[in-house]
Amino acid sequence: MASVQDISTSAAINLLSALAFLLAFAFLRLQPINDRVYFPKWYKKGIRSSPRGSGPIVNKFVNLDYRTYLKFWTWMPAALRMPEPELIEHAGLDSAVYIRIYLLGLKIFVPIALLSFAVLVPVNWTGQTLDDVKDLTYSDIDKLSISNVPPGSLRFIAHIVMAYIVTLWTCYVLYKEYEIITNKRLHFLASESRRPDQFTVLVRNVPPDLDESVSEHVEHFFCVNHPNHYLMHQVIYNANKLASLVEKKKSLLNWRTYYETRYERNPKNRPMTKTGFWGLCGESVDAIDYYTAEIKKTVEEEAAEREKVVSDPKAIVPAAFVSFKSRWQQLFALKLNKQAIQLFG
């Protein structure tokens, strides 16, 4: 039979587990390497930049500012006090739905708990079945359970009625909450600004054609099958080297910004760096001038590589982005005519 100690132990395990998950969430949220995972909407709006752009290598992966760990919980009261439209604008619809899940739990379980204590606890407590059983060890907690109701008693009617009430109440609350969230989602999608990906599909595995290039083949196919829907297309190039040059230029720009910031804080000393591996060896040179020269060199290499990719037919892969004139037409072409598009994908 259950005891107060057993229930307390179970509650303690659940509370400690919840606290451990909360601390893990707070710790991972503060790490620079996870910044884009936890703040994607801010990056999309351009109001947040990556903390990994410059500075020591360790700071790109681990947050060493102990003050942020002491205030890890401050976002929770602020999120609960924030009006729902403002929360959606600030952190996205998922955040508002996440908070509503907790409120939904309160809406379901608080009335059920109060009603159960008012109806089932007196019914079970006064059953006296456990008192009539000899050599049975039980506690006062067991008297609150259905085991204290005698077999065949009319008291079971209360349990049956409560089962229906709990089921109907839960279904009703879930239905109303689903209706609210659905309306919010539709409103969110309707008010969201139009994006190119909402009008575009990715067509892959374009079959080779001896008479037409990949671009001509894609255009011919969609002009014939979707003459009123098709808008334009863009073939895809194998530009891995170009992508690496773009990333290299971005890294160089971040380092130059870092050294320029250092120089602004201390104009008396020009920052220096070494030209060798990871800046640990080699000749010491002026950091700002060095990265400015490297950026200029990388920009020239990037322009040459871009020209090479565009002019090289072998760089074209059998895939393309195809855009349509409206979102409805994009879905129409993608879903209703799925078999036709699957000729390419």
C-alpha atoms as a PDB file:
ATOM      1  CA  MET A   1       0.000   0.000   0.000  1.00  0.00           C
ATOM      2  CA  ALA A   2       1.141   3.520  -0.724  1.00  0.00           C
ATOM      3  CA  SER A   3       2.372   5.773   2.046  1.00  0.00           C
ATOM      4  CA  VAL A   4       3.050   9.469   2.420  1.00  0.00           C
ATOM      5  CA  GLN A   5       6.759   8.705   2.156  1.00  0.00           C
ATOM      6  CA  ASP A   6       6.270   6.895  -1.169  1.00  0.00           C
ATOM      7  CA  ILE A   7       4.269   9.786  -2.604  1.00  0.00           C
ATOM      8  CA  SER A   8       6.816  12.305  -1.316  1.00  0.00           C
ATOM      9  CA  THR A   9       9.664  10.331  -2.895  1.00  0.00           C
ATOM     10  CA  SER A  10       7.869  10.176  -6.235  1.00  0.00           C
ATOM     11  CA  ALA A  11       7.104  13.900  -6.113  1.00  0.00           C
ATOM     12  CA  ALA A  12      10.716  14.709  -5.223  1.00  0.00           C
ATOM     13  CA  ILE A  13      12.020  12.649  -8.159  1.00  0.00           C
ATOM     14  CA  ASN A  14       9.653  14.411 -10.568  1.00  0.00           C
ATOM     15  CA  LEU A  15      10.511  17.865  -9.227  1.00  0.00           C
ATOM     16  CA  LEU A  16      14.257  17.214  -9.353  1.00  0.00           C
ATOM     17  CA  SER A  17      13.941  15.859 -12.900  1.00  0.00           C
ATOM     18  CA  ALA A  18      12.007  18.957 -13.981  1.00  0.00           C
ATOM     19  CA  LEU A  19      14.608  21.196 -12.325  1.00  0.00           C
ATOM     20  CA  ALA A  20      17.442  19.300 -14.031  1.00  0.00           C
ATOM     21  CA  PHE A  21      15.810  19.735 -17.459  1.00  0.00           C
ATOM     22  CA  LEU A  22      15.217  23.430 -16.736  1.00  0.00           C
ATOM     23  CA  LEU A  23      18.862  23.945 -15.753  1.00  0.00           C
ATOM     24  CA  ALA A  24      20.019  22.041 -18.846  1.00  0.00           C
ATOM     25  CA  PHE A  25      17.792  24.239 -21.027  1.00  0.00           C
ATOM     26  CA  ALA A  26      19.106  27.392 -19.352  1.00  0.00           C
ATOM     27  CA  PHE A  27      22.740  26.278 -19.707  1.00  0.00           C
ATOM     28  CA  LEU A  28      22.438  25.296 -23.379  1.00  0.00           C
ATOM     29  CA  ARG A  29      20.472  28.471 -24.166  1.00  0.00           C
ATOM     30  CA  LEU A  30      23.347  30.658 -22.968  1.00  0.00           C
ATOM     31  CA  GLN A  31      26.038  28.961 -25.065  1.00  0.00           C
ATOM     32  CA  PRO A  32      27.117  30.841 -28.229  1.00  0.00           C
ATOM     33  CA  ILE A  33      27.175  27.643 -30.283  1.00  0.00           C
ATOM     34  CA  ASN A  34      23.403  27.223 -29.710  1.00  0.00           C
ATOM     35  CA  ASP A  35      22.466  30.868 -30.222  1.00  0.00           C
ATOM     36  CA  ARG A  36      20.824  30.377 -33.622  1.00  0.00           C
ATOM     37  CA  VAL A  37      18.816  27.432 -32.287  1.00  0.00           C
ATOM     38  CA  TYR A  38      17.208  29.411 -29.461  1.00  0.00           C
ATOM     39  CA  PHE A  39      16.844  32.807 -31.198  1.00  0.00           C
ATOM     40  CA  PRO A  40      16.024  32.082 -34.867  1.00  0.00           C
ATOM     41  CA  LYS A  41      13.339  34.765 -35.122  1.00  0.00           C
ATOM     42  CA  TRP A  42      15.725  37.474 -33.920  1.00  0.00           C
ATOM     43  CA  TYR A  43      18.272  36.434 -36.540  1.00  0.00           C
ATOM     44  CA  LYS A  44      15.558  36.503 -39.183  1.00  0.00           C
ATOM     45  CA  LYS A  45      14.619  40.061 -38.202  1.00  0.00           C
ATOM     46  CA  GLY A  46      18.266  41.104 -38.109  1.00  0.00           C
ATOM     47  CA  ILE A  47      18.105  42.339 -34.502  1.00  0.00           C
ATOM     48  CA  ARG A  48      20.606  39.773 -33.222  1.00  0.00           C
ATOM     49  CA  SER A  49      24.041  38.818 -34.511  1.00  0.00           C
ATOM     50  CA  SER A  50      26.089  35.746 -33.786  1.00  0.00           C
ATOM     51  CA  PRO A  51      28.271  35.972 -30.645  1.00  0.00           C
ATOM     52  CA  ARG A  52      30.731  33.631 -32.376  1.00  0.00           C
ATOM     53  CA  GLY A  53      31.827  36.214 -34.918  1.00  0.00           C
ATOM     54  CA  SER A  54      34.939  37.439 -33.149  1.00  0.00           C
ATOM     55  CA  GLY A  55      36.974  37.144 -29.996  1.00  0.00           C
ATOM     56  CA  PRO A  56      38.862  34.235 -28.457  1.00  0.00           C
ATOM     57  CA  ILE A  57      38.130  30.751 -29.760  1.00  0.00           C
ATOM     58  CA  VAL A  58      36.796  29.527 -26.405  1.00  0.00           C
ATOM     59  CA  ASN A  59      34.139  32.272 -26.329  1.00  0.00           C
ATOM     60  CA  LYS A  60      32.759  31.002 -29.638  1.00  0.00           C
ATOM     61  CA  PHE A  61      31.586  27.794 -27.973  1.00  0.00           C
ATOM     62  CA  VAL A  62      31.260  28.455 -24.219  1.00  0.00           C
ATOM     63  CA  ASN A  63      29.768  31.461 -22.428  1.00  0.00           C
ATOM     64  CA  LEU A  64      32.301  32.481 -19.772  1.00  0.00           C
ATOM     65  CA  ASP A  65      30.270  35.400 -18.372  1.00  0.00           C
ATOM     66  CA  TYR A  66      29.132  34.098 -14.971  1.00  0.00           C
ATOM     67  CA  ARG A  67      26.610  36.949 -14.572  1.00  0.00           C
ATOM     68  CA  THR A  68      24.378  35.505 -17.292  1.00  0.00           C
ATOM     69  CA  TYR A  69      24.131  32.217 -15.384  1.00  0.00           C
ATOM     70  CA  LEU A  70      22.898  34.039 -12.279  1.00  0.00           C
ATOM     71  CA  LYS A  71      20.020  35.593 -14.248  1.00  0.00           C
ATOM     72  CA  PHE A  72      19.034  32.582 -16.344  1.00  0.00           C
ATOM     73  CA  TRP A  73      15.488  32.544 -14.911  1.00  0.00           C
ATOM     74  CA  THR A  74      14.588  36.206 -15.549  1.00  0.00           C
ATOM     75  CA  TRP A  75      13.071  35.483 -18.977  1.00  0.00           C
ATOM     76  CA  MET A  76      10.312  33.300 -17.476  1.00  0.00           C
ATOM     77  CA  PRO A  77       8.423  35.983 -15.458  1.00  0.00           C
ATOM     78  CA  ALA A  78       8.848  38.414 -18.349  1.00  0.00           C
ATOM     79  CA  ALA A  79       7.368  35.905 -20.813  1.00  0.00           C
ATOM     80  CA  LEU A  80       4.390  35.186 -18.536  1.00  0.00           C
ATOM     81  CA  ARG A  81       3.636  38.904 -18.068  1.00  0.00           C
ATOM     82  CA  MET A  82       3.969  39.744 -21.757  1.00  0.00           C
ATOM     83  CA  PRO A  83       0.680  40.112 -23.712  1.00  0.00           C
ATOM     84  CA  GLU A  84       0.158  37.281 -26.160  1.00  0.00           C
ATOM     85  CA  PRO A  85       0.281  39.389 -29.383  1.00  0.00           C
ATOM     86  CA  GLU A  86       3.515  40.978 -28.187  1.00  0.00           C
ATOM     87  CA  LEU A  87       4.933  37.558 -27.286  1.00  0.00           C
ATOM     88  CA  ILE A  88       4.122  36.228 -30.767  1.00  0.00           C
ATOM     89  CA  GLU A  89       5.797  39.242 -32.352  1.00  0.00           C
ATOM     90  CA  HIS A  90       8.794  38.947 -30.037  1.00  0.00           C
ATOM     91  CA  ALA A  91       9.446  35.195 -29.953  1.00  0.00           C
ATOM     92  CA  GLY A  92       7.091  33.591 -32.467  1.00  0.00           C
ATOM     93  CA  LEU A  93       3.843  31.646 -32.385  1.00  0.00           C
ATOM     94  CA  ASP A  94       5.490  28.516 -30.960  1.00  0.00           C
ATOM     95  CA  SER A  95       6.426  30.371 -27.777  1.00  0.00           C
ATOM     96  CA  ALA A  96       2.846  31.505 -27.213  1.00  0.00           C
ATOM     97  CA  VAL A  97       1.553  27.969 -27.820  1.00  0.00           C
ATOM     98  CA  TYR A  98       4.176  26.583 -25.436  1.00  0.00           C
ATOM     99  CA  ILE A  99       2.929  28.818 -22.622  1.00  0.00           C
ATOM    100  CA  ARG A 100      -0.691  28.003 -23.456  1.00  0.00           C
ATOM    101  CA  ILE A 101       0.120  24.312 -22.948  1.00  0.00           C
ATOM    102  CA  TYR A 102       0.847  25.013 -19.287  1.00  0.00           C
ATOM    103  CA  LEU A 103      -2.312  27.086 -18.955  1.00  0.00           C
ATOM    104  CA  LEU A 104      -4.227  24.270 -20.642  1.00  0.00           C
ATOM    105  CA  GLY A 105      -2.969  21.864 -17.982  1.00  0.00           C
ATOM    106  CA  LEU A 106      -4.266  24.186 -15.273  1.00  0.00           C
ATOM    107  CA  LYS A 107      -7.641  24.514 -17.019  1.00  0.00           C
ATOM    108  CA  ILE A 108      -8.002  20.740 -17.167  1.00  0.00           C
ATOM    109  CA  PHE A 109      -6.573  19.526 -13.870  1.00  0.00           C
ATOM    110  CA  VAL A 110      -7.520  22.262 -11.374  1.00  0.00           C
ATOM    111  CA  PRO A 111     -11.330  21.853 -11.827  1.00  0.00           C
ATOM    112  CA  ILE A 112     -10.931  18.063 -11.951  1.00  0.00           C
ATOM    113  CA  ALA A 113      -8.877  18.068  -8.744  1.00  0.00           C
ATOM    114  CA  LEU A 114     -11.344  20.301  -6.890  1.00  0.00           C
ATOM    115  CA  LEU A 115     -14.345  18.264  -8.031  1.00  0.00           C
ATOM    116  CA  SER A 116     -12.626  14.975  -7.191  1.00  0.00           C
ATOM    117  CA  PHE A 117     -11.781  16.165  -3.691  1.00  0.00           C
ATOM    118  CA  ALA A 118     -15.351  17.345  -3.213  1.00  0.00           C
ATOM    119  CA  VAL A 119     -17.005  14.152  -4.517  1.00  0.00           C
ATOM    120  CA  LEU A 120     -14.657  11.162  -4.543  1.00  0.00           C
ATOM    121  CA  VAL A 121     -12.701  11.795  -1.343  1.00  0.00           C
ATOM    122  CA  PRO A 122     -15.817  11.660   0.912  1.00  0.00           C
ATOM    123  CA  VAL A 123     -17.131   8.651  -1.026  1.00  0.00           C
ATOM    124  CA  ASN A 124     -13.883   6.705  -0.653  1.00  0.00           C
ATOM    125  CA  TRP A 125     -13.062   7.827   2.890  1.00  0.00           C
ATOM    126  CA  THR A 126     -16.389   6.684   4.309  1.00  0.00           C
ATOM    127  CA  GLY A 127     -16.308   3.299   2.575  1.00  0.00           C
ATOM    128  CA  GLN A 128     -14.680   1.549   5.602  1.00  0.00           C
ATOM    129  CA  THR A 129     -13.759  -1.526   3.553  1.00  0.00           C
ATOM    130  CA  LEU A 130     -10.120  -1.489   4.637  1.00  0.00           C
ATOM    131  CA  ASP A 131     -11.134  -1.253   8.303  1.00  0.00           C
ATOM    132  CA  ASP A 132     -13.092  -4.506   8.007  1.00  0.00           C
ATOM    133  CA  VAL A 133     -10.184  -6.510   6.551  1.00  0.00           C
ATOM    134  CA  LYS A 134      -8.106  -8.256   9.194  1.00  0.00           C
ATOM    135  CA  ASP A 135      -4.303  -8.429   9.103  1.00  0.00           C
ATOM    136  CA  LEU A 136      -4.109  -5.760   6.400  1.00  0.00           C
ATOM    137  CA  THR A 137      -1.545  -3.002   6.598  1.00  0.00           C
ATOM    138  CA  TYR A 138      -2.699   0.288   5.121  1.00  0.00           C
ATOM    139  CA  SER A 139      -2.354   4.007   5.655  1.00  0.00           C
ATOM    140  CA  ASP A 140      -4.717   6.952   5.656  1.00  0.00           C
ATOM    141  CA  ILE A 141      -3.709   7.631   2.056  1.00  0.00           C
ATOM    142  CA  ASP A 142      -5.204   4.276   1.047  1.00  0.00           C
ATOM    143  CA  LYS A 143      -8.551   5.310   2.512  1.00  0.00           C
ATOM    144  CA  LEU A 144      -8.739   8.015  -0.144  1.00  0.00           C
ATOM    145  CA  SER A 145      -8.534   5.450  -2.959  1.00  0.00           C
ATOM    146  CA  ILE A 146     -11.191   3.313  -4.598  1.00  0.00           C
ATOM    147  CA  SER A 147      -9.865   0.278  -2.699  1.00  0.00           C
ATOM    148  CA  ASN A 148     -11.803   1.501   0.365  1.00  0.00           C
ATOM    149  CA  VAL A 149     -15.142   1.135  -1.473  1.00  0.00           C
ATOM    150  CA  PRO A 150     -16.888  -2.201  -0.770  1.00  0.00           C
ATOM    151  CA  PRO A 151     -17.543  -4.524  -3.760  1.00  0.00           C
ATOM    152  CA  GLY A 152     -20.972  -4.041  -5.357  1.00  0.00           C
ATOM    153  CA  SER A 153     -21.524  -0.738  -3.581  1.00  0.00           C
ATOM    154  CA  LEU A 154     -23.596   2.026  -5.151  1.00  0.00           C
ATOM    155  CA  ARG A 155     -20.661   4.304  -4.397  1.00  0.00           C
ATOM    156  CA  PHE A 156     -19.118   3.117  -7.665  1.00  0.00           C
ATOM    157  CA  ILE A 157     -21.768   5.161  -9.461  1.00  0.00           C
ATOM    158  CA  ALA A 158     -19.948   8.276  -8.261  1.00  0.00           C
ATOM    159  CA  HIS A 159     -16.738   6.997  -9.856  1.00  0.00           C
ATOM    160  CA  ILE A 160     -18.508   6.199 -13.134  1.00  0.00           C
ATOM    161  CA  VAL A 161     -20.158   9.628 -13.253  1.00  0.00           C
ATOM    162  CA  MET A 162     -16.845  11.313 -12.448  1.00  0.00           C
ATOM    163  CA  ALA A 163     -15.127   9.345 -15.224  1.00  0.00           C
ATOM    164  CA  TYR A 164     -17.648  10.705 -17.747  1.00  0.00           C
ATOM    165  CA  ILE A 165     -17.359  14.231 -16.351  1.00  0.00           C
ATOM    166  CA  VAL A 166     -13.556  14.166 -16.511  1.00  0.00           C
ATOM    167  CA  THR A 167     -13.608  12.803 -20.069  1.00  0.00           C
ATOM    168  CA  LEU A 168     -16.178  15.305 -21.327  1.00  0.00           C
ATOM    169  CA  TRP A 169     -14.472  18.237 -19.612  1.00  0.00           C
ATOM    170  CA  THR A 170     -11.057  17.263 -21.004  1.00  0.00           C
ATOM    171  CA  CYS A 171     -12.408  16.855 -24.544  1.00  0.00           C
ATOM    172  CA  TYR A 172     -14.267  20.169 -24.324  1.00  0.00           C
ATOM    173  CA  VAL A 173     -11.225  22.102 -23.089  1.00  0.00           C
ATOM    174  CA  LEU A 174      -8.979  20.476 -25.710  1.00  0.00           C
ATOM    175  CA  TYR A 175     -11.491  21.289 -28.454  1.00  0.00           C
ATOM    176  CA  LYS A 176     -11.772  24.949 -27.443  1.00  0.00           C
ATOM    177  CA  GLU A 177      -8.000  25.296 -27.062  1.00  0.00           C
ATOM    178  CA  TYR A 178      -7.386  23.665 -30.442  1.00  0.00           C
ATOM    179  CA  GLU A 179      -9.883  26.074 -31.994  1.00  0.00           C
ATOM    180  CA  ILE A 180      -8.103  29.073 -30.448  1.00  0.00           C
ATOM    181  CA  ILE A 181      -4.638  27.904 -31.520  1.00  0.00           C
ATOM    182  CA  THR A 182      -5.867  27.110 -35.038  1.00  0.00           C
ATOM    183  CA  ASN A 183      -7.310  30.608 -35.410  1.00  0.00           C
ATOM    184  CA  LYS A 184      -4.088  32.131 -34.099  1.00  0.00           C
ATOM    185  CA  ARG A 185      -2.036  30.065 -36.530  1.00  0.00           C
ATOM    186  CA  LEU A 186      -4.214  31.080 -39.492  1.00  0.00           C
ATOM    187  CA  HIS A 187      -4.019  34.727 -38.429  1.00  0.00           C
ATOM    188  CA  PHE A 188      -0.241  34.427 -38.018  1.00  0.00           C
ATOM    189  CA  LEU A 189       0.175  32.942 -41.496  1.00  0.00           C
ATOM    190  CA  ALA A 190      -2.171  35.510 -43.057  1.00  0.00           C
ATOM    191  CA  SER A 191      -0.363  38.460 -41.471  1.00  0.00           C
ATOM    192  CA  GLU A 192       3.120  37.159 -42.238  1.00  0.00           C
ATOM    193  CA  SER A 193       5.031  38.926 -44.985  1.00  0.00           C
ATOM    194  CA  ARG A 194       5.383  37.062 -48.262  1.00  0.00           C
ATOM    195  CA  ARG A 195       8.595  35.095 -48.778  1.00  0.00           C
ATOM    196  CA  PRO A 196      10.096  33.604 -51.949  1.00  0.00           C
ATOM    197  CA  ASP A 197      10.032  30.082 -50.506  1.00  0.00           C
ATOM    198  CA  GLN A 198       6.223  30.282 -50.281  1.00  0.00           C
ATOM    199  CA  PHE A 199       6.047  30.536 -54.076  1.00  0.00           C
ATOM    200  CA  THR A 200       8.887  28.166 -54.955  1.00  0.00           C
ATOM    201  CA  VAL A 201       9.425  24.419 -55.200  1.00  0.00           C
ATOM    202  CA  LEU A 202      12.667  22.496 -55.564  1.00  0.00           C
ATOM    203  CA  VAL A 203      12.746  20.260 -58.623  1.00  0.00           C
ATOM    204  CA  ARG A 204      15.395  17.546 -58.493  1.00  0.00           C
ATOM    205  CA  ASN A 205      16.688  14.773 -60.757  1.00  0.00           C
ATOM    206  CA  VAL A 206      15.960  16.602 -64.006  1.00  0.00           C
ATOM    207  CA  PRO A 207      16.436  13.930 -66.702  1.00  0.00           C
ATOM    208  CA  PRO A 208      19.149  14.633 -69.289  1.00  0.00           C
ATOM    209  CA  ASP A 209      18.103  15.780 -72.738  1.00  0.00           C
ATOM    210  CA  LEU A 210      20.361  15.791 -75.781  1.00  0.00           C
ATOM    211  CA  ASP A 211      18.512  18.676 -77.432  1.00  0.00           C
ATOM    212  CA  GLU A 212      18.004  20.977 -74.425  1.00  0.00           C
ATOM    213  CA  SER A 213      20.023  22.214 -71.489  1.00  0.00           C
ATOM    214  CA  VAL A 214      18.782  21.744 -67.929  1.00  0.00           C
ATOM    215  CA  SER A 215      17.452  25.308 -67.866  1.00  0.00           C
ATOM    216  CA  GLU A 216      15.641  24.940 -71.191  1.00  0.00           C
ATOM    217  CA  HIS A 217      14.258  21.551 -70.186  1.00  0.00           C
ATOM    218  CA  VAL A 218      12.783  22.876 -66.930  1.00  0.00           C
ATOM    219  CA  GLU A 219      11.305  25.948 -68.608  1.00  0.00           C
ATOM    220  CA  HIS A 220       9.775  23.887 -71.413  1.00  0.00           C
ATOM    221  CA  PHE A 221       8.221  21.383 -69.012  1.00  0.00           C
ATOM    222  CA  PHE A 222       6.504  23.956 -66.789  1.00  0.00           C
ATOM    223  CA  CYS A 223       5.455  26.216 -69.648  1.00  0.00           C
ATOM    224  CA  VAL A 224       3.645  23.252 -71.190  1.00  0.00           C
ATOM    225  CA  ASN A 225       2.142  21.753 -68.010  1.00  0.00           C
ATOM    226  CA  HIS A 226       1.544  24.968 -66.003  1.00  0.00           C
ATOM    227  CA  PRO A 227       1.263  27.784 -68.550  1.00  0.00           C
ATOM    228  CA  ASN A 228      -0.908  29.982 -66.301  1.00  0.00           C
ATOM    229  CA  HIS A 229       0.993  29.270 -63.087  1.00  0.00           C
ATOM    230  CA  TYR A 230       4.667  29.210 -63.997  1.00  0.00           C
ATOM    231  CA  LEU A 231       6.648  32.398 -63.318  1.00  0.00           C
ATOM    232  CA  MET A 232      10.387  31.692 -63.505  1.00  0.00           C
ATOM    233  CA  HIS A 233      13.107  29.250 -62.523  1.00  0.00           C
ATOM    234  CA  GLN A 234      16.710  29.229 -61.362  1.00  0.00           C
ATOM    235  CA  VAL A 235      19.019  26.311 -62.060  1.00  0.00           C
ATOM    236  CA  ILE A 236      21.344  25.163 -59.288  1.00  0.00           C
ATOM    237  CA  TYR A 237      25.118  25.244 -59.621  1.00  0.00           C
ATOM    238  CA  ASN A 238      27.766  23.175 -57.900  1.00  0.00           C
ATOM    239  CA  ALA A 239      29.526  26.079 -56.198  1.00  0.00           C
ATOM    240  CA  ASN A 240      31.165  24.483 -53.177  1.00  0.00           C
ATOM    241  CA  LYS A 241      34.432  26.359 -53.693  1.00  0.00           C
ATOM    242  CA  LEU A 242      32.539  29.637 -54.085  1.00  0.00           C
ATOM    243  CA  ALA A 243      30.622  28.935 -50.875  1.00  0.00           C
ATOM    244  CA  SER A 244      33.883  28.324 -49.008  1.00  0.00           C
ATOM    245  CA  LEU A 245      35.244  31.646 -50.291  1.00  0.00           C
ATOM    246  CA  VAL A 246      32.091  33.428 -49.089  1.00  0.00           C
ATOM    247  CA  GLU A 247      32.478  31.870 -45.641  1.00  0.00           C
ATOM    248  CA  LYS A 248      36.156  32.795 -45.605  1.00  0.00           C
ATOM    249  CA  LYS A 249      35.334  36.415 -46.453  1.00  0.00           C
ATOM    250  CA  LYS A 250      32.704  36.495 -43.719  1.00  0.00           C
ATOM    251  CA  SER A 251      35.216  35.198 -41.173  1.00  0.00           C
ATOM    252  CA  LEU A 252      37.823  37.750 -42.271  1.00  0.00           C
ATOM    253  CA  LEU A 253      35.291  40.574 -41.956  1.00  0.00           C
ATOM    254  CA  ASN A 254      34.446  39.451 -38.429  1.00  0.00           C
ATOM    255  CA  TRP A 255      38.105  39.373 -37.431  1.00  0.00           C
ATOM    256  CA  ARG A 256      38.719  42.820 -38.903  1.00  0.00           C
ATOM    257  CA  THR A 257      35.699  44.164 -36.988  1.00  0.00           C
ATOM    258  CA  TYR A 258      37.079  42.594 -33.816  1.00  0.00           C
ATOM    259  CA  TYR A 259      40.482  44.263 -34.212  1.00  0.00           C
ATOM    260  CA  GLU A 260      38.921  47.596 -35.212  1.00  0.00           C
ATOM    261  CA  THR A 261      36.850  47.500 -32.023  1.00  0.00           C
ATOM    262  CA  ARG A 262      39.981  46.805 -29.994  1.00  0.00           C
ATOM    263  CA  TYR A 263      41.747  49.723 -31.655  1.00  0.00           C
ATOM    264  CA  GLU A 264      38.813  52.077 -30.973  1.00  0.00           C
ATOM    265  CA  ARG A 265      38.983  51.182 -27.286  1.00  0.00           C
ATOM    266  CA  ASN A 266      42.754  51.690 -27.143  1.00  0.00           C
ATOM    267  CA  PRO A 267      43.892  54.018 -29.980  1.00  0.00           C
ATOM    268  CA  LYS A 268      47.439  54.205 -28.620  1.00  0.00           C
ATOM    269  CA  ASN A 269      48.270  50.610 -29.598  1.00  0.00           C
ATOM    270  CA  ARG A 270      47.619  49.189 -33.056  1.00  0.00           C
ATOM    271  CA  PRO A 271      46.530  45.531 -32.729  1.00  0.00           C
ATOM    272  CA  MET A 272      48.999  43.003 -34.116  1.00  0.00           C
ATOM    273  CA  THR A 273      48.554  39.455 -35.367  1.00  0.00           C
ATOM    274  CA  LYS A 274      50.697  36.665 -36.781  1.00  0.00           C
ATOM    275  CA  THR A 275      50.273  35.437 -40.326  1.00  0.00           C
ATOM    276  CA  GLY A 276      50.865  31.770 -39.537  1.00  0.00           C
ATOM    277  CA  PHE A 277      48.575  28.936 -38.463  1.00  0.00           C
ATOM    278  CA  TRP A 278      45.626  30.254 -36.354  1.00  0.00           C
ATOM    279  CA  GLY A 279      47.642  33.407 -35.640  1.00  0.00           C
ATOM    280  CA  LEU A 280      50.020  31.448 -33.396  1.00  0.00           C
ATOM    281  CA  CYS A 281      53.162  31.630 -35.511  1.00  0.00           C
ATOM    282  CA  GLY A 282      54.677  33.523 -38.410  1.00  0.00           C
ATOM    283  CA  GLU A 283      55.472  37.177 -38.984  1.00  0.00           C
ATOM    284  CA  SER A 284      53.796  39.791 -36.756  1.00  0.00           C
ATOM    285  CA  VAL A 285      51.907  42.383 -38.805  1.00  0.00           C
ATOM    286  CA  ASP A 286      49.299  45.086 -38.292  1.00  0.00           C
ATOM    287  CA  ALA A 287      46.045  43.158 -37.796  1.00  0.00           C
ATOM    288  CA  ILE A 288      43.682  45.678 -39.417  1.00  0.00           C
ATOM    289  CA  ASP A 289      45.865  46.155 -42.503  1.00  0.00           C
ATOM    290  CA  TYR A 290      46.455  42.413 -42.781  1.00  0.00           C
ATOM    291  CA  TYR A 291      42.764  41.487 -42.716  1.00  0.00           C
ATOM    292  CA  THR A 292      41.878  44.363 -45.066  1.00  0.00           C
ATOM    293  CA  ALA A 293      44.364  43.007 -47.610  1.00  0.00           C
ATOM    294  CA  GLU A 294      43.105  39.444 -47.123  1.00  0.00           C
ATOM    295  CA  ILE A 295      39.505  40.574 -47.636  1.00  0.00           C
ATOM    296  CA  LYS A 296      40.421  42.363 -50.859  1.00  0.00           C
ATOM    297  CA  LYS A 297      42.222  39.270 -52.102  1.00  0.00           C
ATOM    298  CA  THR A 298      39.294  37.012 -51.191  1.00  0.00           C
ATOM    299  CA  VAL A 299      36.793  39.327 -52.922  1.00  0.00           C
ATOM    300  CA  GLU A 300      38.794  39.076 -56.136  1.00  0.00           C
ATOM    301  CA  GLU A 301      38.967  35.284 -55.850  1.00  0.00           C
ATOM    302  CA  GLU A 302      35.227  35.167 -55.159  1.00  0.00           C
ATOM    303  CA  ALA A 303      34.403  37.238 -58.259  1.00  0.00           C
ATOM    304  CA  ALA A 304      36.632  35.059 -60.445  1.00  0.00           C
ATOM    305  CA  GLU A 305      35.135  31.855 -59.053  1.00  0.00           C
ATOM    306  CA  ARG A 306      31.578  33.152 -59.532  1.00  0.00           C
ATOM    307  CA  GLU A 307      32.314  33.973 -63.166  1.00  0.00           C
ATOM    308  CA  LYS A 308      33.836  30.529 -63.628  1.00  0.00           C
ATOM    309  CA  VAL A 309      30.814  28.759 -62.135  1.00  0.00           C
ATOM    310  CA  VAL A 310      28.284  30.697 -64.209  1.00  0.00           C
ATOM    311  CA  SER A 311      30.152  30.120 -67.472  1.00  0.00           C
ATOM    312  CA  ASP A 312      30.931  26.424 -66.908  1.00  0.00           C
ATOM    313  CA  PRO A 313      28.122  24.099 -68.151  1.00  0.00           C
ATOM    314  CA  LYS A 314      29.546  21.243 -66.081  1.00  0.00           C
ATOM    315  CA  ALA A 315      28.843  23.217 -62.889  1.00  0.00           C
ATOM    316  CA  ILE A 316      25.079  22.990 -63.479  1.00  0.00           C
ATOM    317  CA  VAL A 317      23.431  20.176 -61.499  1.00  0.00           C
ATOM    318  CA  PRO A 318      20.150  18.495 -62.590  1.00  0.00           C
ATOM    319  CA  ALA A 319      17.992  20.560 -60.230  1.00  0.00           C
ATOM    320  CA  ALA A 320      16.262  23.932 -60.181  1.00  0.00           C
ATOM    321  CA  PHE A 321      14.111  26.241 -58.087  1.00  0.00           C
ATOM    322  CA  VAL A 322      10.784  26.870 -59.849  1.00  0.00           C
ATOM    323  CA  SER A 323       8.638  29.850 -58.807  1.00  0.00           C
ATOM    324  CA  PHE A 324       4.920  30.369 -59.406  1.00  0.00           C
ATOM    325  CA  LYS A 325       2.701  33.441 -59.510  1.00  0.00           C
ATOM    326  CA  SER A 326       0.875  32.801 -56.220  1.00  0.00           C
ATOM    327  CA  ARG A 327       1.037  30.583 -53.164  1.00  0.00           C
ATOM    328  CA  TRP A 328      -2.149  28.802 -54.186  1.00  0.00           C
ATOM    329  CA  GLN A 329      -0.740  28.039 -57.616  1.00  0.00           C
ATOM    330  CA  GLN A 330       2.480  26.763 -56.058  1.00  0.00           C
ATOM    331  CA  LEU A 331       0.509  24.341 -53.872  1.00  0.00           C
ATOM    332  CA  PHE A 332      -1.686  23.437 -56.823  1.00  0.00           C
ATOM    333  CA  ALA A 333       1.321  22.527 -58.935  1.00  0.00           C
ATOM    334  CA  LEU A 334       3.053  20.729 -56.084  1.00  0.00           C
ATOM    335  CA  LYS A 335       0.144  18.674 -54.722  1.00  0.00           C
ATOM    336  CA  LEU A 336      -2.593  18.341 -57.319  1.00  0.00           C
ATOM    337  CA  ASN A 337      -0.127  17.759 -60.148  1.00  0.00           C
ATOM    338  CA  LYS A 338       2.369  15.898 -58.009  1.00  0.00           C
ATOM    339  CA  GLN A 339       2.766  13.055 -60.472  1.00  0.00           C
ATOM    340  CA  ALA A 340       3.803  15.422 -63.226  1.00  0.00           C
ATOM    341  CA  ILE A 341       6.407  17.155 -61.076  1.00  0.00           C
ATOM    342  CA  GLN A 342       7.717  13.786 -59.903  1.00  0.00           C
ATOM    343  CA  LEU A 343       9.013  13.272 -63.422  1.00  0.00           C
ATOM    344  CA  PHE A 344      11.746  15.630 -62.238  1.00  0.00           C
ATOM    345  CA  GLY A 345      11.822  14.773 -58.532  1.00  0.00           C
END
